[in-house]
Amino acid sequence: MSEKLEGLAIVDYSLTETKLANAFTQKVTNAYTSANLAYARANTGVLSTGGNITGDMVFTTGRLGLGGQPNTILHVQGTTTLQEVIEKINVSATALSANLNFNVLDQPILYLTTNSTANATVNFRGNSTIAMDTLLRTGQSITVSLFVTNSGVAYKANVVQVDGVTQVPKWAGGTEPINGNAFCIDLYSYTIVKTANATFTVFASQQKYA
């Protein structure tokens, strides 16, 4: 359960009847009343488990939706204008090996800085407890990136899974890469589209950086 909103409700400062006779002061008093009602309503939504405040802004426990019911911490429905976006990247001194669970809730970008040791199955999921099928609604997608470091023996991410189910990606250029690239860093980009319940289409590409 979330904590109550901080701060105090607006106080009327004991307005007298004489003051209230003034039309402008009456408007101010009405504004006090409206503000306090909004304050109380917000606290009701924050403090109630699963409680919602609906309208243009939708509050659920731990989530905020703008224009729609949220399924993530911040859910914006409609066109959004942003000046700049900073993405989290997980730089990991590990190698691509036989199996890799890619937890998209931990990072959108994973950079493996140690030379690969084997071709790998990459399984995309929310995390160890949240499935991709739970994270995404039908008609939603997520794009993630995987940097793979190779030595003279080049390996690749050759099997793609979502929630442990093998997918056949649609590769950029129409052809799946045969292997990785020696003495290079390969960037794999994946766009995972949820088309129905537990059903996904994966668009993939591989780029070489030397």
C-alpha atoms as a PDB file:
ATOM      1  CA  MET A   1       0.000   0.000   0.000  1.00  0.00           C
ATOM      2  CA  SER A   2       1.402   3.407  -0.966  1.00  0.00           C
ATOM      3  CA  GLU A   3       2.035   6.153   1.528  1.00  0.00           C
ATOM      4  CA  LYS A   4      -0.348   9.077   1.843  1.00  0.00           C
ATOM      5  CA  LEU A   5       0.443  12.183  -0.230  1.00  0.00           C
ATOM      6  CA  GLU A   6       2.702  14.574   1.654  1.00  0.00           C
ATOM      7  CA  GLY A   7       1.614  18.086   2.638  1.00  0.00           C
ATOM      8  CA  LEU A   8      -1.397  19.755   4.165  1.00  0.00           C
ATOM      9  CA  ALA A   9      -4.823  20.438   2.761  1.00  0.00           C
ATOM     10  CA  ILE A  10      -5.483  24.102   2.028  1.00  0.00           C
ATOM     11  CA  VAL A  11      -6.704  25.967   5.089  1.00  0.00           C
ATOM     12  CA  ASP A  12      -9.455  28.578   4.827  1.00  0.00           C
ATOM     13  CA  TYR A  13      -7.747  30.889   7.335  1.00  0.00           C
ATOM     14  CA  SER A  14     -11.100  31.446   9.160  1.00  0.00           C
ATOM     15  CA  LEU A  15     -12.598  33.739   6.575  1.00  0.00           C
ATOM     16  CA  THR A  16     -15.224  36.016   8.149  1.00  0.00           C
ATOM     17  CA  GLU A  17     -18.720  36.651   6.817  1.00  0.00           C
ATOM     18  CA  THR A  18     -17.679  40.174   5.911  1.00  0.00           C
ATOM     19  CA  LYS A  19     -14.856  38.867   3.793  1.00  0.00           C
ATOM     20  CA  LEU A  20     -17.082  36.280   2.211  1.00  0.00           C
ATOM     21  CA  ALA A  21     -19.402  39.070   1.097  1.00  0.00           C
ATOM     22  CA  ASN A  22     -16.729  40.094  -1.331  1.00  0.00           C
ATOM     23  CA  ALA A  23     -17.336  38.289  -4.658  1.00  0.00           C
ATOM     24  CA  PHE A  24     -13.644  37.770  -5.326  1.00  0.00           C
ATOM     25  CA  THR A  25     -13.076  36.267  -1.897  1.00  0.00           C
ATOM     26  CA  GLN A  26     -16.011  33.928  -2.493  1.00  0.00           C
ATOM     27  CA  LYS A  27     -14.293  32.633  -5.621  1.00  0.00           C
ATOM     28  CA  VAL A  28     -11.132  32.042  -3.629  1.00  0.00           C
ATOM     29  CA  THR A  29     -13.127  30.130  -1.021  1.00  0.00           C
ATOM     30  CA  ASN A  30     -14.654  27.972  -3.763  1.00  0.00           C
ATOM     31  CA  ALA A  31     -11.170  27.272  -5.059  1.00  0.00           C
ATOM     32  CA  TYR A  32     -10.120  26.167  -1.549  1.00  0.00           C
ATOM     33  CA  THR A  33     -13.051  23.774  -1.459  1.00  0.00           C
ATOM     34  CA  SER A  34     -12.308  22.318  -4.904  1.00  0.00           C
ATOM     35  CA  ALA A  35      -8.616  21.917  -4.108  1.00  0.00           C
ATOM     36  CA  ASN A  36      -9.322  20.109  -0.837  1.00  0.00           C
ATOM     37  CA  LEU A  37     -11.767  17.754  -2.563  1.00  0.00           C
ATOM     38  CA  ALA A  38      -9.128  16.938  -5.169  1.00  0.00           C
ATOM     39  CA  TYR A  39      -6.563  16.385  -2.416  1.00  0.00           C
ATOM     40  CA  ALA A  40      -8.869  13.994  -0.567  1.00  0.00           C
ATOM     41  CA  ARG A  41      -9.707  12.149  -3.779  1.00  0.00           C
ATOM     42  CA  ALA A  42      -6.043  11.711  -4.632  1.00  0.00           C
ATOM     43  CA  ASN A  43      -5.278  10.291  -1.186  1.00  0.00           C
ATOM     44  CA  THR A  44      -8.220   7.900  -1.477  1.00  0.00           C
ATOM     45  CA  GLY A  45      -6.798   6.534  -4.730  1.00  0.00           C
ATOM     46  CA  VAL A  46      -3.225   6.322  -3.426  1.00  0.00           C
ATOM     47  CA  LEU A  47      -4.125   4.657  -0.147  1.00  0.00           C
ATOM     48  CA  SER A  48      -6.618   2.121  -1.510  1.00  0.00           C
ATOM     49  CA  THR A  49      -5.127  -1.133  -2.728  1.00  0.00           C
ATOM     50  CA  GLY A  50      -6.091  -1.326  -6.368  1.00  0.00           C
ATOM     51  CA  GLY A  51      -7.945   1.971  -5.983  1.00  0.00           C
ATOM     52  CA  ASN A  52      -8.361   3.980  -9.160  1.00  0.00           C
ATOM     53  CA  ILE A  53      -8.843   7.614 -10.009  1.00  0.00           C
ATOM     54  CA  THR A  54     -10.200   7.672 -13.540  1.00  0.00           C
ATOM     55  CA  GLY A  55     -10.375  10.306 -16.234  1.00  0.00           C
ATOM     56  CA  ASP A  56      -7.552  11.845 -18.240  1.00  0.00           C
ATOM     57  CA  MET A  57      -5.200  10.722 -15.464  1.00  0.00           C
ATOM     58  CA  VAL A  58      -5.631   7.160 -14.173  1.00  0.00           C
ATOM     59  CA  PHE A  59      -3.994   6.185 -10.889  1.00  0.00           C
ATOM     60  CA  THR A  60      -3.660   2.568  -9.845  1.00  0.00           C
ATOM     61  CA  THR A  61      -1.402   1.183  -7.150  1.00  0.00           C
ATOM     62  CA  GLY A  62       2.142   2.138  -8.160  1.00  0.00           C
ATOM     63  CA  ARG A  63       1.127   3.146 -11.708  1.00  0.00           C
ATOM     64  CA  LEU A  64       0.077   6.277 -13.567  1.00  0.00           C
ATOM     65  CA  GLY A  65      -1.787   6.318 -16.858  1.00  0.00           C
ATOM     66  CA  LEU A  66      -2.248   9.415 -18.994  1.00  0.00           C
ATOM     67  CA  GLY A  67      -5.252   8.918 -21.233  1.00  0.00           C
ATOM     68  CA  GLY A  68      -5.701   5.217 -20.473  1.00  0.00           C
ATOM     69  CA  GLN A  69      -5.498   2.377 -17.967  1.00  0.00           C
ATOM     70  CA  PRO A  70      -1.788   1.772 -17.205  1.00  0.00           C
ATOM     71  CA  ASN A  71      -0.060  -1.590 -17.548  1.00  0.00           C
ATOM     72  CA  THR A  72       3.376  -0.130 -16.728  1.00  0.00           C
ATOM     73  CA  ILE A  73       4.678   2.358 -14.137  1.00  0.00           C
ATOM     74  CA  LEU A  74       4.029   5.219 -16.579  1.00  0.00           C
ATOM     75  CA  HIS A  75       1.593   4.624 -19.449  1.00  0.00           C
ATOM     76  CA  VAL A  76       0.966   7.409 -21.958  1.00  0.00           C
ATOM     77  CA  GLN A  77      -1.782   6.871 -24.515  1.00  0.00           C
ATOM     78  CA  GLY A  78      -1.542   9.210 -27.476  1.00  0.00           C
ATOM     79  CA  THR A  79       1.147  11.302 -29.102  1.00  0.00           C
ATOM     80  CA  THR A  80       3.940  12.297 -26.726  1.00  0.00           C
ATOM     81  CA  THR A  81       6.565  15.023 -27.117  1.00  0.00           C
ATOM     82  CA  LEU A  82       9.917  14.450 -25.387  1.00  0.00           C
ATOM     83  CA  GLN A  83      13.042  16.565 -25.499  1.00  0.00           C
ATOM     84  CA  GLU A  84      15.484  13.793 -24.659  1.00  0.00           C
ATOM     85  CA  VAL A  85      15.426  10.179 -23.477  1.00  0.00           C
ATOM     86  CA  ILE A  86      18.230   8.524 -21.518  1.00  0.00           C
ATOM     87  CA  GLU A  87      18.148   4.726 -21.680  1.00  0.00           C
ATOM     88  CA  LYS A  88      19.623   2.333 -19.183  1.00  0.00           C
ATOM     89  CA  ILE A  89      22.317  -0.038 -20.475  1.00  0.00           C
ATOM     90  CA  ASN A  90      23.692  -3.026 -18.595  1.00  0.00           C
ATOM     91  CA  VAL A  91      27.421  -3.329 -19.336  1.00  0.00           C
ATOM     92  CA  SER A  92      28.299  -6.845 -18.222  1.00  0.00           C
ATOM     93  CA  ALA A  93      31.776  -8.411 -18.139  1.00  0.00           C
ATOM     94  CA  THR A  94      30.323 -11.777 -19.151  1.00  0.00           C
ATOM     95  CA  ALA A  95      30.330 -13.765 -22.367  1.00  0.00           C
ATOM     96  CA  LEU A  96      27.624 -14.967 -24.698  1.00  0.00           C
ATOM     97  CA  SER A  97      27.322 -18.672 -23.925  1.00  0.00           C
ATOM     98  CA  ALA A  98      24.802 -21.454 -24.395  1.00  0.00           C
ATOM     99  CA  ASN A  99      21.799 -19.739 -22.777  1.00  0.00           C
ATOM    100  CA  LEU A 100      20.922 -16.146 -21.984  1.00  0.00           C
ATOM    101  CA  ASN A 101      17.788 -14.897 -20.223  1.00  0.00           C
ATOM    102  CA  PHE A 102      17.253 -11.305 -21.336  1.00  0.00           C
ATOM    103  CA  ASN A 103      15.147  -9.558 -18.686  1.00  0.00           C
ATOM    104  CA  VAL A 104      13.685  -6.537 -20.452  1.00  0.00           C
ATOM    105  CA  LEU A 105      12.547  -5.001 -17.139  1.00  0.00           C
ATOM    106  CA  ASP A 106      16.180  -4.873 -15.999  1.00  0.00           C
ATOM    107  CA  GLN A 107      17.508  -3.108 -19.086  1.00  0.00           C
ATOM    108  CA  PRO A 108      16.595  -2.341 -22.720  1.00  0.00           C
ATOM    109  CA  ILE A 109      20.238  -2.734 -23.804  1.00  0.00           C
ATOM    110  CA  LEU A 110      22.707  -5.436 -22.756  1.00  0.00           C
ATOM    111  CA  TYR A 111      26.401  -5.163 -23.650  1.00  0.00           C
ATOM    112  CA  LEU A 112      28.447  -8.357 -23.132  1.00  0.00           C
ATOM    113  CA  THR A 113      32.100  -7.251 -23.039  1.00  0.00           C
ATOM    114  CA  THR A 114      33.779 -10.664 -22.708  1.00  0.00           C
ATOM    115  CA  ASN A 115      34.495 -12.742 -25.818  1.00  0.00           C
ATOM    116  CA  SER A 116      31.745 -15.217 -26.708  1.00  0.00           C
ATOM    117  CA  THR A 117      32.243 -18.877 -25.929  1.00  0.00           C
ATOM    118  CA  ALA A 118      29.302 -20.494 -27.774  1.00  0.00           C
ATOM    119  CA  ASN A 119      26.276 -19.872 -29.942  1.00  0.00           C
ATOM    120  CA  ALA A 120      23.391 -18.969 -27.680  1.00  0.00           C
ATOM    121  CA  THR A 121      19.674 -19.254 -27.158  1.00  0.00           C
ATOM    122  CA  VAL A 122      18.395 -15.826 -26.096  1.00  0.00           C
ATOM    123  CA  ASN A 123      15.147 -15.936 -24.132  1.00  0.00           C
ATOM    124  CA  PHE A 124      13.265 -12.652 -23.782  1.00  0.00           C
ATOM    125  CA  ARG A 125      11.027 -12.198 -20.754  1.00  0.00           C
ATOM    126  CA  GLY A 126       9.971  -9.483 -18.331  1.00  0.00           C
ATOM    127  CA  ASN A 127      12.122 -10.953 -15.589  1.00  0.00           C
ATOM    128  CA  SER A 128      12.301 -14.203 -13.620  1.00  0.00           C
ATOM    129  CA  THR A 129       8.738 -13.715 -12.296  1.00  0.00           C
ATOM    130  CA  ILE A 130       7.029 -11.600 -14.983  1.00  0.00           C
ATOM    131  CA  ALA A 131       6.426 -13.064 -18.437  1.00  0.00           C
ATOM    132  CA  MET A 132       6.591 -11.016 -21.608  1.00  0.00           C
ATOM    133  CA  ASP A 133       2.995 -12.069 -22.186  1.00  0.00           C
ATOM    134  CA  THR A 134       2.058 -10.353 -18.916  1.00  0.00           C
ATOM    135  CA  LEU A 135       4.175  -7.277 -19.586  1.00  0.00           C
ATOM    136  CA  LEU A 136       2.796  -6.560 -23.066  1.00  0.00           C
ATOM    137  CA  ARG A 137      -0.798  -6.159 -24.166  1.00  0.00           C
ATOM    138  CA  THR A 138      -1.937  -7.313 -27.593  1.00  0.00           C
ATOM    139  CA  GLY A 139      -0.954  -4.610 -30.049  1.00  0.00           C
ATOM    140  CA  GLN A 140       2.072  -3.483 -28.023  1.00  0.00           C
ATOM    141  CA  SER A 141       5.758  -3.997 -28.782  1.00  0.00           C
ATOM    142  CA  ILE A 142       9.153  -3.569 -27.179  1.00  0.00           C
ATOM    143  CA  THR A 143      12.550  -3.040 -28.817  1.00  0.00           C
ATOM    144  CA  VAL A 144      15.755  -4.236 -27.142  1.00  0.00           C
ATOM    145  CA  SER A 145      19.408  -4.496 -28.135  1.00  0.00           C
ATOM    146  CA  LEU A 146      22.154  -7.019 -27.439  1.00  0.00           C
ATOM    147  CA  PHE A 147      25.862  -6.280 -28.001  1.00  0.00           C
ATOM    148  CA  VAL A 148      27.976  -9.428 -28.412  1.00  0.00           C
ATOM    149  CA  THR A 149      31.794  -9.327 -28.287  1.00  0.00           C
ATOM    150  CA  ASN A 150      33.694 -11.851 -30.429  1.00  0.00           C
ATOM    151  CA  SER A 151      37.336 -12.907 -30.613  1.00  0.00           C
ATOM    152  CA  GLY A 152      38.853 -14.830 -33.542  1.00  0.00           C
ATOM    153  CA  VAL A 153      36.157 -17.470 -33.130  1.00  0.00           C
ATOM    154  CA  ALA A 154      32.844 -15.770 -33.836  1.00  0.00           C
ATOM    155  CA  TYR A 155      29.640 -16.951 -32.199  1.00  0.00           C
ATOM    156  CA  LYS A 156      26.130 -15.619 -32.539  1.00  0.00           C
ATOM    157  CA  ALA A 157      22.728 -15.451 -30.912  1.00  0.00           C
ATOM    158  CA  ASN A 158      21.235 -18.153 -33.084  1.00  0.00           C
ATOM    159  CA  VAL A 159      17.985 -19.105 -31.298  1.00  0.00           C
ATOM    160  CA  VAL A 160      15.378 -16.581 -30.162  1.00  0.00           C
ATOM    161  CA  GLN A 161      12.747 -17.364 -27.554  1.00  0.00           C
ATOM    162  CA  VAL A 162       9.988 -15.353 -25.876  1.00  0.00           C
ATOM    163  CA  ASP A 163       8.862 -16.709 -22.495  1.00  0.00           C
ATOM    164  CA  GLY A 164      10.770 -19.904 -23.280  1.00  0.00           C
ATOM    165  CA  VAL A 165       8.980 -20.524 -26.598  1.00  0.00           C
ATOM    166  CA  THR A 166      11.180 -20.572 -29.713  1.00  0.00           C
ATOM    167  CA  GLN A 167      10.376 -17.915 -32.313  1.00  0.00           C
ATOM    168  CA  VAL A 168      11.357 -17.627 -35.982  1.00  0.00           C
ATOM    169  CA  PRO A 169      12.443 -14.004 -36.363  1.00  0.00           C
ATOM    170  CA  LYS A 170      11.887 -11.947 -39.479  1.00  0.00           C
ATOM    171  CA  TRP A 171      15.421 -10.760 -40.275  1.00  0.00           C
ATOM    172  CA  ALA A 172      16.348  -7.423 -41.813  1.00  0.00           C
ATOM    173  CA  GLY A 173      17.288  -8.007 -45.448  1.00  0.00           C
ATOM    174  CA  GLY A 174      15.258 -11.223 -45.489  1.00  0.00           C
ATOM    175  CA  THR A 175      18.105 -13.575 -44.511  1.00  0.00           C
ATOM    176  CA  GLU A 176      19.285 -14.761 -41.112  1.00  0.00           C
ATOM    177  CA  PRO A 177      23.013 -14.130 -40.493  1.00  0.00           C
ATOM    178  CA  ILE A 178      25.065 -17.291 -40.925  1.00  0.00           C
ATOM    179  CA  ASN A 179      27.342 -16.500 -37.987  1.00  0.00           C
ATOM    180  CA  GLY A 180      28.864 -13.733 -35.924  1.00  0.00           C
ATOM    181  CA  ASN A 181      31.822 -11.579 -36.958  1.00  0.00           C
ATOM    182  CA  ALA A 182      35.367 -12.303 -35.760  1.00  0.00           C
ATOM    183  CA  PHE A 183      37.211  -9.607 -33.797  1.00  0.00           C
ATOM    184  CA  CYS A 184      34.104  -7.445 -33.840  1.00  0.00           C
ATOM    185  CA  ILE A 185      31.157  -6.483 -31.740  1.00  0.00           C
ATOM    186  CA  ASP A 186      27.845  -7.593 -33.166  1.00  0.00           C
ATOM    187  CA  LEU A 187      24.743  -5.587 -32.356  1.00  0.00           C
ATOM    188  CA  TYR A 188      21.491  -7.549 -32.401  1.00  0.00           C
ATOM    189  CA  SER A 189      18.292  -5.503 -32.347  1.00  0.00           C
ATOM    190  CA  TYR A 190      14.961  -7.172 -31.641  1.00  0.00           C
ATOM    191  CA  THR A 191      11.464  -5.727 -31.857  1.00  0.00           C
ATOM    192  CA  ILE A 192       8.995  -8.044 -30.160  1.00  0.00           C
ATOM    193  CA  VAL A 193       5.356  -7.511 -31.142  1.00  0.00           C
ATOM    194  CA  LYS A 194       2.525  -9.148 -29.218  1.00  0.00           C
ATOM    195  CA  THR A 195      -0.134 -10.038 -31.792  1.00  0.00           C
ATOM    196  CA  ALA A 196      -2.413 -12.169 -29.576  1.00  0.00           C
ATOM    197  CA  ASN A 197      -2.401 -13.964 -26.230  1.00  0.00           C
ATOM    198  CA  ALA A 198       1.049 -15.590 -25.827  1.00  0.00           C
ATOM    199  CA  THR A 199       1.685 -14.957 -29.536  1.00  0.00           C
ATOM    200  CA  PHE A 200       4.572 -12.833 -30.788  1.00  0.00           C
ATOM    201  CA  THR A 201       6.270 -11.715 -33.976  1.00  0.00           C
ATOM    202  CA  VAL A 202       9.975 -10.886 -33.662  1.00  0.00           C
ATOM    203  CA  PHE A 203      11.811  -8.566 -36.060  1.00  0.00           C
ATOM    204  CA  ALA A 204      15.599  -8.887 -35.831  1.00  0.00           C
ATOM    205  CA  SER A 205      18.784  -7.459 -37.288  1.00  0.00           C
ATOM    206  CA  GLN A 206      22.541  -7.906 -36.869  1.00  0.00           C
ATOM    207  CA  GLN A 207      25.107  -5.163 -37.391  1.00  0.00           C
ATOM    208  CA  LYS A 208      28.906  -5.451 -37.237  1.00  0.00           C
ATOM    209  CA  TYR A 209      31.038  -2.909 -35.360  1.00  0.00           C
ATOM    210  CA  ALA A 210      34.825  -3.049 -35.545  1.00  0.00           C
END
